[in-house]
C-alpha atoms as a PDB file:
ATOM      1  CA  MET A   1      16.433 -33.743  40.765  1.00  0.00           C
ATOM      2  CA  GLY A   2      14.175 -34.029  38.001  1.00  0.00           C
ATOM      3  CA  LEU A   3      11.271 -32.358  39.924  1.00  0.00           C
ATOM      4  CA  LEU A   4      13.618 -29.368  41.168  1.00  0.00           C
ATOM      5  CA  SER A   5      14.744 -28.928  37.399  1.00  0.00           C
ATOM      6  CA  PHE A   6      11.364 -28.760  36.217  1.00  0.00           C
ATOM      7  CA  ILE A   7      10.398 -26.095  38.884  1.00  0.00           C
ATOM      8  CA  THR A   8      13.477 -24.070  38.234  1.00  0.00           C
ATOM      9  CA  GLY A   9      13.064 -24.429  34.322  1.00  0.00           C
ATOM     10  CA  LEU A  10       9.385 -23.090  34.353  1.00  0.00           C
ATOM     11  CA  PRO A  11      10.397 -19.336  34.086  1.00  0.00           C
ATOM     12  CA  LEU A  12      12.453 -20.328  30.770  1.00  0.00           C
ATOM     13  CA  ALA A  13       9.604 -22.057  29.266  1.00  0.00           C
ATOM     14  CA  PRO A  14       8.095 -19.331  27.320  1.00  0.00           C
ATOM     15  CA  VAL A  15      11.855 -18.464  26.000  1.00  0.00           C
ATOM     16  CA  ARG A  16      12.446 -22.152  24.894  1.00  0.00           C
ATOM     17  CA  GLY A  17       9.054 -22.046  22.936  1.00  0.00           C
ATOM     18  CA  VAL A  18      10.030 -18.716  20.964  1.00  0.00           C
ATOM     19  CA  ILE A  19      13.369 -20.303  20.034  1.00  0.00           C
ATOM     20  CA  SER A  20      11.450 -23.450  18.793  1.00  0.00           C
ATOM     21  CA  LEU A  21       8.904 -21.523  16.954  1.00  0.00           C
ATOM     22  CA  GLY A  22      11.777 -19.326  15.488  1.00  0.00           C
ATOM     23  CA  LYS A  23      13.485 -22.753  14.110  1.00  0.00           C
ATOM     24  CA  VAL A  24      10.221 -23.884  12.484  1.00  0.00           C
ATOM     25  CA  VAL A  25       9.851 -20.528  10.831  1.00  0.00           C
ATOM     26  CA  GLN A  26      13.230 -20.619   9.642  1.00  0.00           C
ATOM     27  CA  GLU A  27      12.870 -24.034   8.111  1.00  0.00           C
ATOM     28  CA  GLN A  28       9.649 -23.008   6.325  1.00  0.00           C
ATOM     29  CA  VAL A  29      11.098 -20.061   4.688  1.00  0.00           C
ATOM     30  CA  GLU A  30      14.279 -21.746   3.492  1.00  0.00           C
ATOM     31  CA  SER A  31      11.956 -24.836   2.349  1.00  0.00           C
ATOM     32  CA  GLU A  32       9.732 -22.247   0.268  1.00  0.00           C
ATOM     33  CA  LEU A  33      12.770 -20.076  -0.744  1.00  0.00           C
ATOM     34  CA  TYR A  34      14.666 -22.982  -2.398  1.00  0.00           C
ATOM     35  CA  ASP A  35      11.669 -24.954  -3.617  1.00  0.00           C
ATOM     36  CA  PRO A  36      12.029 -25.459  -7.393  1.00  0.00           C
ATOM     37  CA  ALA A  37       8.344 -24.809  -8.062  1.00  0.00           C
ATOM     38  CA  SER A  38       8.548 -21.377  -6.463  1.00  0.00           C
ATOM     39  CA  VAL A  39      11.831 -20.537  -8.332  1.00  0.00           C
ATOM     40  CA  ARG A  40       9.973 -21.574 -11.477  1.00  0.00           C
ATOM     41  CA  ARG A  41       7.041 -19.362 -10.921  1.00  0.00           C
ATOM     42  CA  GLU A  42       9.422 -16.603 -10.208  1.00  0.00           C
ATOM     43  CA  LEU A  43      11.275 -16.936 -13.409  1.00  0.00           C
ATOM     44  CA  GLU A  44       7.955 -17.083 -15.078  1.00  0.00           C
ATOM     45  CA  ALA A  45       6.529 -13.941 -13.372  1.00  0.00           C
ATOM     46  CA  ALA A  46       9.831 -12.290 -14.502  1.00  0.00           C
ATOM     47  CA  GLU A  47       9.310 -13.162 -18.350  1.00  0.00           C
ATOM     48  CA  GLU A  48       5.788 -12.190 -18.253  1.00  0.00           C
ATOM     49  CA  ALA A  49       6.797  -8.884 -16.739  1.00  0.00           C
ATOM     50  CA  ARG A  50       9.367  -8.587 -19.058  1.00  0.00           C
ATOM     51  CA  ALA A  51       6.683  -9.166 -22.148  1.00  0.00           C
ATOM     52  CA  ALA A  52       4.308  -6.779 -20.608  1.00  0.00           C
ATOM     53  CA  GLY A  53       6.975  -3.923 -20.386  1.00  0.00           C
ATOM     54  CA  GLU A  54       6.964  -3.676 -16.568  1.00  0.00           C
ATOM     55  CA  ILE A  55      10.675  -4.464 -16.126  1.00  0.00           C
ATOM     56  CA  THR A  56      13.749  -3.824 -18.323  1.00  0.00           C
ATOM     57  CA  ALA A  57      15.730  -6.859 -19.701  1.00  0.00           C
ATOM     58  CA  GLU A  58      18.576  -6.046 -17.165  1.00  0.00           C
ATOM     59  CA  GLU A  59      16.190  -6.240 -14.176  1.00  0.00           C
ATOM     60  CA  GLU A  60      14.869  -9.651 -15.773  1.00  0.00           C
ATOM     61  CA  ALA A  61      18.391 -10.931 -15.998  1.00  0.00           C
ATOM     62  CA  ARG A  62      19.187  -9.905 -12.443  1.00  0.00           C
ATOM     63  CA  ILE A  63      15.930 -11.881 -11.390  1.00  0.00           C
ATOM     64  CA  GLN A  64      17.177 -14.819 -13.438  1.00  0.00           C
ATOM     65  CA  GLN A  65      20.599 -14.937 -11.910  1.00  0.00           C
ATOM     66  CA  ALA A  66      19.155 -14.750  -8.524  1.00  0.00           C
ATOM     67  CA  ALA A  67      16.866 -17.581  -8.915  1.00  0.00           C
ATOM     68  CA  LEU A  68      19.860 -19.630 -10.533  1.00  0.00           C
ATOM     69  CA  ASP A  69      22.124 -18.748  -7.679  1.00  0.00           C
ATOM     70  CA  ARG A  70      19.461 -19.990  -5.140  1.00  0.00           C
ATOM     71  CA  MET A  71      18.963 -23.146  -7.226  1.00  0.00           C
ATOM     72  CA  THR A  72      22.712 -23.954  -7.485  1.00  0.00           C
ATOM     73  CA  GLY A  73      23.439 -23.675  -3.686  1.00  0.00           C
ATOM     74  CA  ASP A  74      25.203 -20.123  -3.859  1.00  0.00           C
ATOM     75  CA  ARG A  75      23.682 -19.250  -0.554  1.00  0.00           C
ATOM     76  CA  GLU A  76      24.847 -16.652   1.552  1.00  0.00           C
ATOM     77  CA  ALA A  77      24.546 -16.302   5.449  1.00  0.00           C
ATOM     78  CA  PRO A  78      21.414 -13.790   6.132  1.00  0.00           C
ATOM     79  CA  GLY A  79      22.792 -10.481   6.545  1.00  0.00           C
ATOM     80  CA  ALA A  80      26.113 -10.935   5.026  1.00  0.00           C
ATOM     81  CA  GLY A  81      26.416  -8.526   2.292  1.00  0.00           C
ATOM     82  CA  LYS A  82      29.115  -8.633  -0.506  1.00  0.00           C
ATOM     83  CA  GLU A  83      32.112  -6.350  -0.108  1.00  0.00           C
END
Protein backbone atom coordinates (compact mmCIF):
# COMPACT_ATOMS: atom_id res chain seq x y z
CA MET A 1 0.00 0.00 0.00
CA GLY A 2 2.95 2.33 0.63
CA LEU A 3 4.11 2.23 -2.98
CA LEU A 4 0.62 2.97 -4.28
CA SER A 5 0.22 5.89 -1.87
CA PHE A 6 3.62 7.22 -2.91
CA ILE A 7 2.80 7.07 -6.62
CA THR A 8 -0.64 8.65 -6.26
CA GLY A 9 0.74 11.32 -3.93
CA LEU A 10 3.46 12.50 -6.33
CA PRO A 11 1.22 14.99 -8.18
CA LEU A 12 0.50 16.73 -4.86
CA ALA A 13 4.17 17.04 -3.86
CA PRO A 14 4.56 20.59 -5.25
CA VAL A 15 1.46 21.72 -3.36
CA ARG A 16 2.78 20.25 -0.12
CA GLY A 17 6.11 21.96 -0.74
CA VAL A 18 4.48 25.36 -1.25
CA ILE A 19 2.39 24.92 1.90
CA SER A 20 5.42 24.01 4.01
CA LEU A 21 7.37 26.93 2.52
CA GLY A 22 4.51 29.25 3.44
CA LYS A 23 4.60 28.01 7.02
CA VAL A 24 8.35 28.63 7.24
CA VAL A 25 7.96 32.16 5.86
CA GLN A 26 5.13 32.89 8.29
CA GLU A 27 7.20 31.71 11.27
CA GLN A 28 10.15 33.87 10.17
CA VAL A 29 8.00 36.97 9.70
CA GLU A 30 6.36 36.52 13.09
CA SER A 31 9.70 36.02 14.82
CA GLU A 32 11.05 39.23 13.28
CA LEU A 33 7.86 41.18 13.93
CA TYR A 34 7.71 40.33 17.62
CA ASP A 35 11.48 40.36 18.27
CA PRO A 36 12.29 42.86 21.05
CA ALA A 37 15.39 44.06 19.20
CA SER A 38 13.43 44.97 16.07
CA VAL A 39 10.78 46.73 18.16
CA ARG A 40 13.51 48.72 19.90
CA ARG A 41 15.02 49.71 16.53
CA GLU A 42 11.59 50.82 15.33
CA LEU A 43 11.08 52.96 18.44
CA GLU A 44 14.54 54.49 18.08
CA ALA A 45 13.91 55.26 14.41
CA ALA A 46 10.61 56.95 15.30
CA GLU A 47 12.35 59.01 17.97
CA GLU A 48 15.08 60.09 15.53
CA ALA A 49 12.51 60.95 12.86
CA ARG A 50 10.58 63.05 15.38
CA ALA A 51 13.77 64.85 16.45
CA ALA A 52 14.58 65.57 12.79
CA GLY A 53 11.06 66.89 12.20
CA GLU A 54 10.19 64.19 9.68
CA ILE A 55 7.09 63.03 11.58
CA THR A 56 4.68 64.69 13.98
CA ALA A 57 4.26 63.90 17.66
CA GLU A 58 0.96 62.16 16.87
CA GLU A 59 2.62 59.90 14.32
CA GLU A 60 5.39 59.06 16.79
CA ALA A 61 2.80 58.23 19.45
CA ARG A 62 0.93 56.00 16.99
CA ILE A 63 4.17 54.15 16.11
CA GLN A 64 5.00 53.73 19.79
CA GLN A 65 1.54 52.40 20.60
CA ALA A 66 1.67 49.90 17.73
CA ALA A 67 5.07 48.66 18.91
CA LEU A 68 3.89 48.35 22.50
CA ASP A 69 0.76 46.50 21.40
CA ARG A 70 2.94 43.97 19.55
CA MET A 71 5.16 43.45 22.60
CA THR A 72 2.32 43.10 25.10
CA GLY A 73 0.60 40.41 23.05
CA ASP A 74 -2.23 42.48 21.60
CA ARG A 75 -2.10 40.55 18.32
CA GLU A 76 -4.84 40.50 15.72
CA ALA A 77 -5.41 37.91 13.07
CA PRO A 78 -4.09 39.07 9.68
CA GLY A 79 -6.77 40.86 7.73
CA ALA A 80 -9.00 41.35 10.76
CA GLY A 81 -9.80 45.04 10.82
CA LYS A 82 -11.09 46.89 13.84
CA GLU A 83 -14.71 47.85 13.38
